[in-house]
Amino acid sequence: MDDHDHYRTHMPESLRPNPLPARVHTWWRRPGAEIHVERIGDPLARHRVVLLHGAGGHAGLLWPYAAAVAARGAHVVVPDLPGYGRTRVRRPGAVRYEDWVRLAADLLCAERDAHEGPLSAVGASLGGMLAYDAATRTGAADRVVATCLLDPRDPAALRCLSRYPWAGGAAVGLLRVLAGPLAGVRIPIRWPANMRAISNRPALTRVVVADRRGGGTRVPLGFLRGYLESAPAVEPERAGDVPVVLAHPARDRWTPPAVSRAFLDRIAAPTRYVPLEECGHLPVEEPGVGTLVDVIADPPER
């Protein structure tokens, strides 16, 4: 079974367009890696979307969302970030969060150079802050849409990120010690992260956690340290003119909306908050999931 079929069986009808849009697998060579990038929908579409996954996802998991958006007339570009999906990395233990930021920024710039129409940077979960960072540091995107905006410097966000909320701050200190000599050691992402809260549907959660390309993967301690010590290149108070839409699941048991709204409220650029009603962290519930597709598919002004 292909990975997109693996997840589509757990998705609502609104994420199963008929007919399905075209889906093309491509490869992007980077230093030490071959990045798997899926391109979904008409490449000549006026609106282009770069869709970034989070710590439990990959292009296969995001395929139903990309397909629904592409069916509405957009061309959707979904990379497998290093350590996830089908992307091949020469030294898996050497992957760092900084590699994700650099890759996302370079991909946005490449899509901007190749496309004259509206360009949206969209991020799911941890990918939300990644989309914000890439868009604001490059100026390549016309809009950011994020399902979460988690700033690891915020103690409340740190408590949400950890599988054990009481260990949020202590985890950073421990990683500073371990991610020196043991930076290349890879551990299951479910150990430090509360992957059990990734969705509000137990059957779907089990599929995500068991997926070795996604929620069941292993990540280097150095990656975790880099992420927990990360900060966007452009602080929200200096965010400029790139509009940011926070489309946050209203019933998120992992990262409550208030944590993301704390960052959104600091952004100097135009912002909008759209609650995804009835949705858990991985939004599959109606009516919120339909709202998410509407928000992403509506092209920004160029």
C-alpha atoms as a PDB file:
ATOM      1  CA  MET A   1       0.000   0.000   0.000  1.00  0.00           C
ATOM      2  CA  ASP A   2       1.345   3.430  -0.934  1.00  0.00           C
ATOM      3  CA  ASP A   3       1.789   5.826   1.965  1.00  0.00           C
ATOM      4  CA  HIS A   4      -0.949   8.178   0.764  1.00  0.00           C
ATOM      5  CA  ASP A   5      -3.480   5.318   0.750  1.00  0.00           C
ATOM      6  CA  HIS A   6      -2.186   4.352   4.199  1.00  0.00           C
ATOM      7  CA  TYR A   7      -3.497   7.619   5.624  1.00  0.00           C
ATOM      8  CA  ARG A   8      -6.405   8.375   3.300  1.00  0.00           C
ATOM      9  CA  THR A   9      -8.440   5.551   4.847  1.00  0.00           C
ATOM     10  CA  HIS A  10      -8.547   7.614   8.065  1.00  0.00           C
ATOM     11  CA  MET A  11      -9.455  10.890   6.365  1.00  0.00           C
ATOM     12  CA  PRO A  12     -12.902  12.456   5.844  1.00  0.00           C
ATOM     13  CA  GLU A  13     -14.567  12.702   2.457  1.00  0.00           C
ATOM     14  CA  SER A  14     -13.568  16.354   2.154  1.00  0.00           C
ATOM     15  CA  LEU A  15      -9.927  15.176   1.859  1.00  0.00           C
ATOM     16  CA  ARG A  16     -10.746  12.613  -0.848  1.00  0.00           C
ATOM     17  CA  PRO A  17     -11.339  14.608  -4.039  1.00  0.00           C
ATOM     18  CA  ASN A  18     -12.595  12.712  -7.051  1.00  0.00           C
ATOM     19  CA  PRO A  19     -10.821  12.639  -9.411  1.00  0.00           C
ATOM     20  CA  LEU A  20      -7.539  12.805  -7.565  1.00  0.00           C
ATOM     21  CA  PRO A  21      -5.092  15.452  -8.801  1.00  0.00           C
ATOM     22  CA  ALA A  22      -1.832  14.480 -10.460  1.00  0.00           C
ATOM     23  CA  ARG A  23       0.956  13.536  -8.050  1.00  0.00           C
ATOM     24  CA  VAL A  24       4.580  13.627  -9.183  1.00  0.00           C
ATOM     25  CA  HIS A  25       7.572  12.425  -7.149  1.00  0.00           C
ATOM     26  CA  THR A  26      10.705  14.520  -7.689  1.00  0.00           C
ATOM     27  CA  TRP A  27      14.164  14.653  -6.141  1.00  0.00           C
ATOM     28  CA  TRP A  28      16.143  17.733  -5.132  1.00  0.00           C
ATOM     29  CA  ARG A  29      19.850  17.254  -4.559  1.00  0.00           C
ATOM     30  CA  ARG A  30      21.294  19.015  -1.538  1.00  0.00           C
ATOM     31  CA  PRO A  31      24.689  18.657   0.203  1.00  0.00           C
ATOM     32  CA  GLY A  32      24.623  15.237   1.832  1.00  0.00           C
ATOM     33  CA  ALA A  33      21.000  14.523   0.922  1.00  0.00           C
ATOM     34  CA  GLU A  34      18.496  13.825  -1.812  1.00  0.00           C
ATOM     35  CA  ILE A  35      15.266  15.538  -0.827  1.00  0.00           C
ATOM     36  CA  HIS A  36      12.031  13.881  -1.902  1.00  0.00           C
ATOM     37  CA  VAL A  37       9.557  16.538  -3.059  1.00  0.00           C
ATOM     38  CA  GLU A  38       6.007  15.755  -4.126  1.00  0.00           C
ATOM     39  CA  ARG A  39       4.278  18.064  -6.579  1.00  0.00           C
ATOM     40  CA  ILE A  40       0.519  17.809  -6.598  1.00  0.00           C
ATOM     41  CA  GLY A  41      -1.899  19.405  -9.032  1.00  0.00           C
ATOM     42  CA  ASP A  42      -1.447  21.568 -12.116  1.00  0.00           C
ATOM     43  CA  PRO A  43       2.107  23.018 -12.261  1.00  0.00           C
ATOM     44  CA  LEU A  44       0.713  25.925 -14.293  1.00  0.00           C
ATOM     45  CA  ALA A  45      -1.818  26.869 -11.606  1.00  0.00           C
ATOM     46  CA  ARG A  46      -1.872  30.547 -10.624  1.00  0.00           C
ATOM     47  CA  HIS A  47      -1.575  29.795  -6.889  1.00  0.00           C
ATOM     48  CA  ARG A  48       1.377  27.787  -5.567  1.00  0.00           C
ATOM     49  CA  VAL A  49       1.612  26.342  -2.045  1.00  0.00           C
ATOM     50  CA  VAL A  50       4.713  25.068  -0.242  1.00  0.00           C
ATOM     51  CA  LEU A  51       3.430  22.729   2.468  1.00  0.00           C
ATOM     52  CA  LEU A  52       5.769  21.828   5.362  1.00  0.00           C
ATOM     53  CA  HIS A  53       5.189  18.934   7.752  1.00  0.00           C
ATOM     54  CA  GLY A  54       6.056  18.737  11.428  1.00  0.00           C
ATOM     55  CA  ALA A  55       7.736  16.243  13.742  1.00  0.00           C
ATOM     56  CA  GLY A  56       5.319  13.388  13.066  1.00  0.00           C
ATOM     57  CA  GLY A  57       4.618  13.886   9.395  1.00  0.00           C
ATOM     58  CA  HIS A  58       5.897  13.627   5.844  1.00  0.00           C
ATOM     59  CA  ALA A  59       4.535  14.111   2.345  1.00  0.00           C
ATOM     60  CA  GLY A  60       2.497  10.908   2.553  1.00  0.00           C
ATOM     61  CA  LEU A  61       0.629  12.070   5.645  1.00  0.00           C
ATOM     62  CA  LEU A  62      -0.015  15.497   4.100  1.00  0.00           C
ATOM     63  CA  TRP A  63      -1.072  14.051   0.735  1.00  0.00           C
ATOM     64  CA  PRO A  64      -4.844  14.174   1.483  1.00  0.00           C
ATOM     65  CA  TYR A  65      -4.618  17.855   2.444  1.00  0.00           C
ATOM     66  CA  ALA A  66      -2.453  18.652  -0.575  1.00  0.00           C
ATOM     67  CA  ALA A  67      -4.858  16.782  -2.852  1.00  0.00           C
ATOM     68  CA  ALA A  68      -7.864  18.696  -1.513  1.00  0.00           C
ATOM     69  CA  VAL A  69      -6.101  22.032  -1.979  1.00  0.00           C
ATOM     70  CA  ALA A  70      -4.860  21.076  -5.455  1.00  0.00           C
ATOM     71  CA  ALA A  71      -8.395  20.089  -6.424  1.00  0.00           C
ATOM     72  CA  ARG A  72      -9.336  23.694  -5.680  1.00  0.00           C
ATOM     73  CA  GLY A  73      -6.886  24.963  -8.283  1.00  0.00           C
ATOM     74  CA  ALA A  74      -3.481  25.258  -6.564  1.00  0.00           C
ATOM     75  CA  HIS A  75      -0.168  23.561  -7.258  1.00  0.00           C
ATOM     76  CA  VAL A  76       1.121  22.102  -3.971  1.00  0.00           C
ATOM     77  CA  VAL A  77       4.794  21.378  -3.251  1.00  0.00           C
ATOM     78  CA  VAL A  78       5.468  19.058  -0.302  1.00  0.00           C
ATOM     79  CA  PRO A  79       9.044  18.167   0.719  1.00  0.00           C
ATOM     80  CA  ASP A  80      10.055  15.316   2.994  1.00  0.00           C
ATOM     81  CA  LEU A  81      12.298  17.145   5.436  1.00  0.00           C
ATOM     82  CA  PRO A  82      15.592  15.379   6.325  1.00  0.00           C
ATOM     83  CA  GLY A  83      15.004  12.425   8.617  1.00  0.00           C
ATOM     84  CA  TYR A  84      11.440  11.899   7.394  1.00  0.00           C
ATOM     85  CA  GLY A  85       9.575  10.346   4.506  1.00  0.00           C
ATOM     86  CA  ARG A  86      11.491   9.158   1.443  1.00  0.00           C
ATOM     87  CA  THR A  87      14.299  11.725   1.681  1.00  0.00           C
ATOM     88  CA  ARG A  88      17.732  10.078   1.664  1.00  0.00           C
ATOM     89  CA  VAL A  89      20.404  11.472   3.978  1.00  0.00           C
ATOM     90  CA  ARG A  90      24.046  10.422   3.859  1.00  0.00           C
ATOM     91  CA  ARG A  91      24.564  10.851   7.622  1.00  0.00           C
ATOM     92  CA  PRO A  92      21.219  10.583   9.481  1.00  0.00           C
ATOM     93  CA  GLY A  93      22.845  11.355  12.824  1.00  0.00           C
ATOM     94  CA  ALA A  94      24.109  14.681  11.501  1.00  0.00           C
ATOM     95  CA  VAL A  95      20.686  16.137  10.646  1.00  0.00           C
ATOM     96  CA  ARG A  96      19.997  19.358  12.551  1.00  0.00           C
ATOM     97  CA  TYR A  97      17.008  21.662  12.835  1.00  0.00           C
ATOM     98  CA  GLU A  98      19.091  24.348  11.133  1.00  0.00           C
ATOM     99  CA  ASP A  99      19.111  22.092   8.048  1.00  0.00           C
ATOM    100  CA  TRP A 100      15.313  22.200   8.015  1.00  0.00           C
ATOM    101  CA  VAL A 101      15.276  25.992   8.220  1.00  0.00           C
ATOM    102  CA  ARG A 102      17.841  26.367   5.449  1.00  0.00           C
ATOM    103  CA  LEU A 103      16.039  23.876   3.217  1.00  0.00           C
ATOM    104  CA  ALA A 104      12.618  25.483   3.728  1.00  0.00           C
ATOM    105  CA  ALA A 105      14.031  28.935   2.956  1.00  0.00           C
ATOM    106  CA  ASP A 106      15.833  27.721  -0.160  1.00  0.00           C
ATOM    107  CA  LEU A 107      12.748  25.876  -1.389  1.00  0.00           C
ATOM    108  CA  LEU A 108      10.588  28.974  -0.986  1.00  0.00           C
ATOM    109  CA  CYS A 109      13.122  31.033  -2.922  1.00  0.00           C
ATOM    110  CA  ALA A 110      13.310  28.409  -5.673  1.00  0.00           C
ATOM    111  CA  GLU A 111       9.517  28.345  -6.008  1.00  0.00           C
ATOM    112  CA  ARG A 112       9.417  32.142  -6.043  1.00  0.00           C
ATOM    113  CA  ASP A 113      11.976  32.226  -8.869  1.00  0.00           C
ATOM    114  CA  ALA A 114       9.986  29.652 -10.838  1.00  0.00           C
ATOM    115  CA  HIS A 115       6.537  31.143 -10.280  1.00  0.00           C
ATOM    116  CA  GLU A 116       5.109  34.630 -10.811  1.00  0.00           C
ATOM    117  CA  GLY A 117       1.732  34.097  -9.150  1.00  0.00           C
ATOM    118  CA  PRO A 118       0.705  34.050  -5.479  1.00  0.00           C
ATOM    119  CA  LEU A 119       2.910  31.851  -3.278  1.00  0.00           C
ATOM    120  CA  SER A 120       1.814  30.580   0.131  1.00  0.00           C
ATOM    121  CA  ALA A 121       4.051  29.064   2.808  1.00  0.00           C
ATOM    122  CA  VAL A 122       1.964  26.623   4.842  1.00  0.00           C
ATOM    123  CA  GLY A 123       3.153  24.741   7.905  1.00  0.00           C
ATOM    124  CA  ALA A 124       1.537  22.000   9.984  1.00  0.00           C
ATOM    125  CA  SER A 125       2.408  21.586  13.661  1.00  0.00           C
ATOM    126  CA  LEU A 126       6.149  22.285  14.105  1.00  0.00           C
ATOM    127  CA  GLY A 127       6.135  23.193  10.407  1.00  0.00           C
ATOM    128  CA  GLY A 128       4.096  26.295  11.247  1.00  0.00           C
ATOM    129  CA  MET A 129       7.004  28.134  12.850  1.00  0.00           C
ATOM    130  CA  LEU A 130       9.264  26.743  10.132  1.00  0.00           C
ATOM    131  CA  ALA A 131       7.009  28.307   7.469  1.00  0.00           C
ATOM    132  CA  TYR A 132       6.978  31.615   9.361  1.00  0.00           C
ATOM    133  CA  ASP A 133      10.765  31.621   9.722  1.00  0.00           C
ATOM    134  CA  ALA A 134      11.418  30.715   6.076  1.00  0.00           C
ATOM    135  CA  ALA A 135       8.915  33.257   4.762  1.00  0.00           C
ATOM    136  CA  THR A 136      10.026  36.173   6.916  1.00  0.00           C
ATOM    137  CA  ARG A 137      13.754  35.637   6.432  1.00  0.00           C
ATOM    138  CA  THR A 138      13.445  35.368   2.628  1.00  0.00           C
ATOM    139  CA  GLY A 139      10.456  37.562   1.774  1.00  0.00           C
ATOM    140  CA  ALA A 140       9.641  34.989  -0.911  1.00  0.00           C
ATOM    141  CA  ALA A 141       6.094  34.107   0.164  1.00  0.00           C
ATOM    142  CA  ASP A 142       2.995  36.270  -0.113  1.00  0.00           C
ATOM    143  CA  ARG A 143       1.397  34.709   2.958  1.00  0.00           C
ATOM    144  CA  VAL A 144       1.977  32.266   5.807  1.00  0.00           C
ATOM    145  CA  VAL A 145      -0.661  29.801   6.986  1.00  0.00           C
ATOM    146  CA  ALA A 146       0.175  27.817  10.131  1.00  0.00           C
ATOM    147  CA  THR A 147      -1.774  25.329  12.213  1.00  0.00           C
ATOM    148  CA  CYS A 148       0.564  26.068  15.150  1.00  0.00           C
ATOM    149  CA  LEU A 149       3.097  28.758  15.997  1.00  0.00           C
ATOM    150  CA  LEU A 150       5.226  27.264  18.754  1.00  0.00           C
ATOM    151  CA  ASP A 151       8.143  29.295  20.040  1.00  0.00           C
ATOM    152  CA  PRO A 152      10.407  26.967  22.076  1.00  0.00           C
ATOM    153  CA  ARG A 153      11.627  29.986  24.053  1.00  0.00           C
ATOM    154  CA  ASP A 154       8.142  30.304  25.569  1.00  0.00           C
ATOM    155  CA  PRO A 155       7.928  28.140  28.735  1.00  0.00           C
ATOM    156  CA  ALA A 156       4.271  27.359  27.982  1.00  0.00           C
ATOM    157  CA  ALA A 157       5.181  26.097  24.512  1.00  0.00           C
ATOM    158  CA  LEU A 158       8.053  24.084  25.955  1.00  0.00           C
ATOM    159  CA  ARG A 159       5.709  22.328  28.370  1.00  0.00           C
ATOM    160  CA  CYS A 160       3.382  21.436  25.493  1.00  0.00           C
ATOM    161  CA  LEU A 161       6.192  20.073  23.343  1.00  0.00           C
ATOM    162  CA  SER A 162       7.458  17.646  25.975  1.00  0.00           C
ATOM    163  CA  ARG A 163       5.909  14.249  26.567  1.00  0.00           C
ATOM    164  CA  TYR A 164       6.296  15.055  30.251  1.00  0.00           C
ATOM    165  CA  PRO A 165       5.214  18.699  30.792  1.00  0.00           C
ATOM    166  CA  TRP A 166       6.992  18.929  34.141  1.00  0.00           C
ATOM    167  CA  ALA A 167      10.296  18.222  32.353  1.00  0.00           C
ATOM    168  CA  GLY A 168       9.997  20.956  29.713  1.00  0.00           C
ATOM    169  CA  GLY A 169      12.706  23.299  30.992  1.00  0.00           C
ATOM    170  CA  ALA A 170      14.852  20.511  32.389  1.00  0.00           C
ATOM    171  CA  ALA A 171      14.826  18.784  29.000  1.00  0.00           C
ATOM    172  CA  VAL A 172      16.676  21.682  27.399  1.00  0.00           C
ATOM    173  CA  GLY A 173      19.385  21.586  30.052  1.00  0.00           C
ATOM    174  CA  LEU A 174      19.725  17.825  29.734  1.00  0.00           C
ATOM    175  CA  LEU A 175      20.008  18.067  25.945  1.00  0.00           C
ATOM    176  CA  ARG A 176      22.747  20.674  26.263  1.00  0.00           C
ATOM    177  CA  VAL A 177      24.756  18.098  28.169  1.00  0.00           C
ATOM    178  CA  LEU A 178      23.890  15.047  26.070  1.00  0.00           C
ATOM    179  CA  ALA A 179      23.963  16.710  22.641  1.00  0.00           C
ATOM    180  CA  GLY A 180      27.658  17.391  22.943  1.00  0.00           C
ATOM    181  CA  PRO A 181      29.329  13.986  22.819  1.00  0.00           C
ATOM    182  CA  LEU A 182      26.052  12.206  21.947  1.00  0.00           C
ATOM    183  CA  ALA A 183      24.683  14.676  19.380  1.00  0.00           C
ATOM    184  CA  GLY A 184      24.568  12.021  16.660  1.00  0.00           C
ATOM    185  CA  VAL A 185      22.647   9.467  18.729  1.00  0.00           C
ATOM    186  CA  ARG A 186      19.156   8.989  17.329  1.00  0.00           C
ATOM    187  CA  ILE A 187      16.163   8.301  19.566  1.00  0.00           C
ATOM    188  CA  PRO A 188      12.492   7.641  18.719  1.00  0.00           C
ATOM    189  CA  ILE A 189      10.666  10.949  18.439  1.00  0.00           C
ATOM    190  CA  ARG A 190       7.894   9.497  20.615  1.00  0.00           C
ATOM    191  CA  TRP A 191      10.266   9.416  23.607  1.00  0.00           C
ATOM    192  CA  PRO A 192      10.571  13.177  24.113  1.00  0.00           C
ATOM    193  CA  ALA A 193       7.410  14.284  22.257  1.00  0.00           C
ATOM    194  CA  ASN A 194       3.801  13.709  23.245  1.00  0.00           C
ATOM    195  CA  MET A 195       2.978  11.824  20.057  1.00  0.00           C
ATOM    196  CA  ARG A 196      -0.042  10.217  21.707  1.00  0.00           C
ATOM    197  CA  ALA A 197      -1.818  13.564  21.389  1.00  0.00           C
ATOM    198  CA  ILE A 198      -1.120  13.997  17.674  1.00  0.00           C
ATOM    199  CA  SER A 199      -4.753  13.277  16.867  1.00  0.00           C
ATOM    200  CA  ASN A 200      -8.034  12.839  18.740  1.00  0.00           C
ATOM    201  CA  ARG A 201      -8.718   9.555  16.956  1.00  0.00           C
ATOM    202  CA  PRO A 202      -6.899   6.597  18.554  1.00  0.00           C
ATOM    203  CA  ALA A 203      -6.781   4.527  15.359  1.00  0.00           C
ATOM    204  CA  LEU A 204      -5.186   7.378  13.398  1.00  0.00           C
ATOM    205  CA  THR A 205      -2.759   8.097  16.232  1.00  0.00           C
ATOM    206  CA  ARG A 206      -1.604   4.477  16.200  1.00  0.00           C
ATOM    207  CA  VAL A 207      -0.948   4.657  12.453  1.00  0.00           C
ATOM    208  CA  VAL A 208       1.093   7.855  12.810  1.00  0.00           C
ATOM    209  CA  VAL A 209       3.167   6.564  15.730  1.00  0.00           C
ATOM    210  CA  ALA A 210       3.874   3.279  13.951  1.00  0.00           C
ATOM    211  CA  ASP A 211       4.945   4.973  10.701  1.00  0.00           C
ATOM    212  CA  ARG A 212       8.731   4.697  10.466  1.00  0.00           C
ATOM    213  CA  ARG A 213       8.777   7.516   7.930  1.00  0.00           C
ATOM    214  CA  GLY A 214       6.850   9.814  10.247  1.00  0.00           C
ATOM    215  CA  GLY A 215       5.843   9.573  13.897  1.00  0.00           C
ATOM    216  CA  GLY A 216       7.823   6.372  14.341  1.00  0.00           C
ATOM    217  CA  THR A 217      11.126   7.767  13.106  1.00  0.00           C
ATOM    218  CA  ARG A 218      14.286   8.432  15.116  1.00  0.00           C
ATOM    219  CA  VAL A 219      15.844  11.875  15.460  1.00  0.00           C
ATOM    220  CA  PRO A 220      19.350  12.890  16.571  1.00  0.00           C
ATOM    221  CA  LEU A 221      19.781  14.464  19.995  1.00  0.00           C
ATOM    222  CA  GLY A 222      21.580  17.300  18.204  1.00  0.00           C
ATOM    223  CA  PHE A 223      18.427  17.967  16.153  1.00  0.00           C
ATOM    224  CA  LEU A 224      16.305  18.169  19.290  1.00  0.00           C
ATOM    225  CA  ARG A 225      18.749  20.503  21.001  1.00  0.00           C
ATOM    226  CA  GLY A 226      18.914  22.732  17.924  1.00  0.00           C
ATOM    227  CA  TYR A 227      15.137  22.949  17.732  1.00  0.00           C
ATOM    228  CA  LEU A 228      14.619  23.665  21.428  1.00  0.00           C
ATOM    229  CA  GLU A 229      17.250  26.429  21.281  1.00  0.00           C
ATOM    230  CA  SER A 230      15.979  27.869  17.996  1.00  0.00           C
ATOM    231  CA  ALA A 231      14.561  31.325  17.333  1.00  0.00           C
ATOM    232  CA  PRO A 232      13.205  32.779  14.090  1.00  0.00           C
ATOM    233  CA  ALA A 233      15.606  35.056  12.216  1.00  0.00           C
ATOM    234  CA  VAL A 234      12.945  37.779  12.169  1.00  0.00           C
ATOM    235  CA  GLU A 235      11.283  38.400  15.516  1.00  0.00           C
ATOM    236  CA  PRO A 236       7.503  38.820  15.256  1.00  0.00           C
ATOM    237  CA  GLU A 237       7.677  42.491  16.214  1.00  0.00           C
ATOM    238  CA  ARG A 238       9.769  43.054  13.050  1.00  0.00           C
ATOM    239  CA  ALA A 239       7.820  40.714  10.782  1.00  0.00           C
ATOM    240  CA  GLY A 240       7.112  43.278   8.069  1.00  0.00           C
ATOM    241  CA  ASP A 241       4.319  42.892   5.554  1.00  0.00           C
ATOM    242  CA  VAL A 242       3.935  39.109   5.137  1.00  0.00           C
ATOM    243  CA  PRO A 243       0.386  38.301   6.368  1.00  0.00           C
ATOM    244  CA  VAL A 244       0.105  35.391   8.789  1.00  0.00           C
ATOM    245  CA  VAL A 245      -2.994  33.240   9.234  1.00  0.00           C
ATOM    246  CA  LEU A 246      -3.158  30.974  12.269  1.00  0.00           C
ATOM    247  CA  ALA A 247      -5.647  28.188  11.460  1.00  0.00           C
ATOM    248  CA  HIS A 248      -5.426  26.347  14.755  1.00  0.00           C
ATOM    249  CA  PRO A 249      -7.286  23.161  15.745  1.00  0.00           C
ATOM    250  CA  ALA A 250      -9.808  24.178  18.410  1.00  0.00           C
ATOM    251  CA  ARG A 251      -9.623  20.869  20.312  1.00  0.00           C
ATOM    252  CA  ASP A 252      -5.872  20.377  20.150  1.00  0.00           C
ATOM    253  CA  ARG A 253      -4.800  18.232  23.147  1.00  0.00           C
ATOM    254  CA  TRP A 254      -1.100  18.668  22.326  1.00  0.00           C
ATOM    255  CA  THR A 255      -0.654  22.383  21.695  1.00  0.00           C
ATOM    256  CA  PRO A 256      -3.572  24.510  22.953  1.00  0.00           C
ATOM    257  CA  PRO A 257      -4.535  27.461  20.733  1.00  0.00           C
ATOM    258  CA  ALA A 258      -3.548  29.974  23.425  1.00  0.00           C
ATOM    259  CA  VAL A 259       0.116  29.007  23.119  1.00  0.00           C
ATOM    260  CA  SER A 260       0.172  29.736  19.390  1.00  0.00           C
ATOM    261  CA  ARG A 261      -1.924  32.885  19.774  1.00  0.00           C
ATOM    262  CA  ALA A 262       0.662  34.291  22.166  1.00  0.00           C
ATOM    263  CA  PHE A 263       3.162  34.348  19.294  1.00  0.00           C
ATOM    264  CA  LEU A 264       0.571  35.489  16.736  1.00  0.00           C
ATOM    265  CA  ASP A 265      -0.332  38.480  18.882  1.00  0.00           C
ATOM    266  CA  ARG A 266       3.271  39.697  18.731  1.00  0.00           C
ATOM    267  CA  ILE A 267       3.447  39.723  14.920  1.00  0.00           C
ATOM    268  CA  ALA A 268       3.614  43.227  13.460  1.00  0.00           C
ATOM    269  CA  ALA A 269       2.348  42.130  10.019  1.00  0.00           C
ATOM    270  CA  PRO A 270      -1.374  41.640   9.306  1.00  0.00           C
ATOM    271  CA  THR A 271      -2.673  38.545  11.108  1.00  0.00           C
ATOM    272  CA  ARG A 272      -5.851  36.495  11.268  1.00  0.00           C
ATOM    273  CA  TYR A 273      -6.937  33.759  13.653  1.00  0.00           C
ATOM    274  CA  VAL A 274      -9.177  30.992  12.316  1.00  0.00           C
ATOM    275  CA  PRO A 275     -10.234  28.272  14.783  1.00  0.00           C
ATOM    276  CA  LEU A 276     -10.659  24.822  13.256  1.00  0.00           C
ATOM    277  CA  GLU A 277     -13.799  23.683  15.026  1.00  0.00           C
ATOM    278  CA  GLU A 278     -13.887  20.140  16.460  1.00  0.00           C
ATOM    279  CA  CYS A 279     -10.328  19.434  15.241  1.00  0.00           C
ATOM    280  CA  GLY A 280      -7.485  17.767  17.101  1.00  0.00           C
ATOM    281  CA  HIS A 281      -3.788  18.504  16.505  1.00  0.00           C
ATOM    282  CA  LEU A 282      -3.890  16.588  13.213  1.00  0.00           C
ATOM    283  CA  PRO A 283      -7.098  18.092  11.852  1.00  0.00           C
ATOM    284  CA  VAL A 284      -9.412  15.484  10.359  1.00  0.00           C
ATOM    285  CA  GLU A 285     -12.734  16.471  11.930  1.00  0.00           C
ATOM    286  CA  GLU A 286     -15.481  18.493  10.295  1.00  0.00           C
ATOM    287  CA  PRO A 287     -16.233  21.313  10.027  1.00  0.00           C
ATOM    288  CA  GLY A 288     -12.695  22.448  10.879  1.00  0.00           C
ATOM    289  CA  VAL A 289     -10.840  20.414   8.285  1.00  0.00           C
ATOM    290  CA  GLY A 290     -12.994  21.937   5.551  1.00  0.00           C
ATOM    291  CA  THR A 291     -12.202  25.377   6.938  1.00  0.00           C
ATOM    292  CA  LEU A 292      -8.487  24.579   6.762  1.00  0.00           C
ATOM    293  CA  VAL A 293      -8.716  23.603   3.087  1.00  0.00           C
ATOM    294  CA  ASP A 294     -10.708  26.783   2.355  1.00  0.00           C
ATOM    295  CA  VAL A 295      -8.084  28.955   4.044  1.00  0.00           C
ATOM    296  CA  ILE A 296      -5.117  27.367   2.259  1.00  0.00           C
ATOM    297  CA  ALA A 297      -6.792  27.188  -1.163  1.00  0.00           C
ATOM    298  CA  ASP A 298      -7.847  30.853  -1.161  1.00  0.00           C
ATOM    299  CA  PRO A 299      -4.905  32.575  -2.902  1.00  0.00           C
ATOM    300  CA  PRO A 300      -3.309  35.583  -1.212  1.00  0.00           C
ATOM    301  CA  GLU A 301      -2.977  38.934  -2.903  1.00  0.00           C
ATOM    302  CA  ARG A 302       0.120  39.313  -5.024  1.00  0.00           C
END
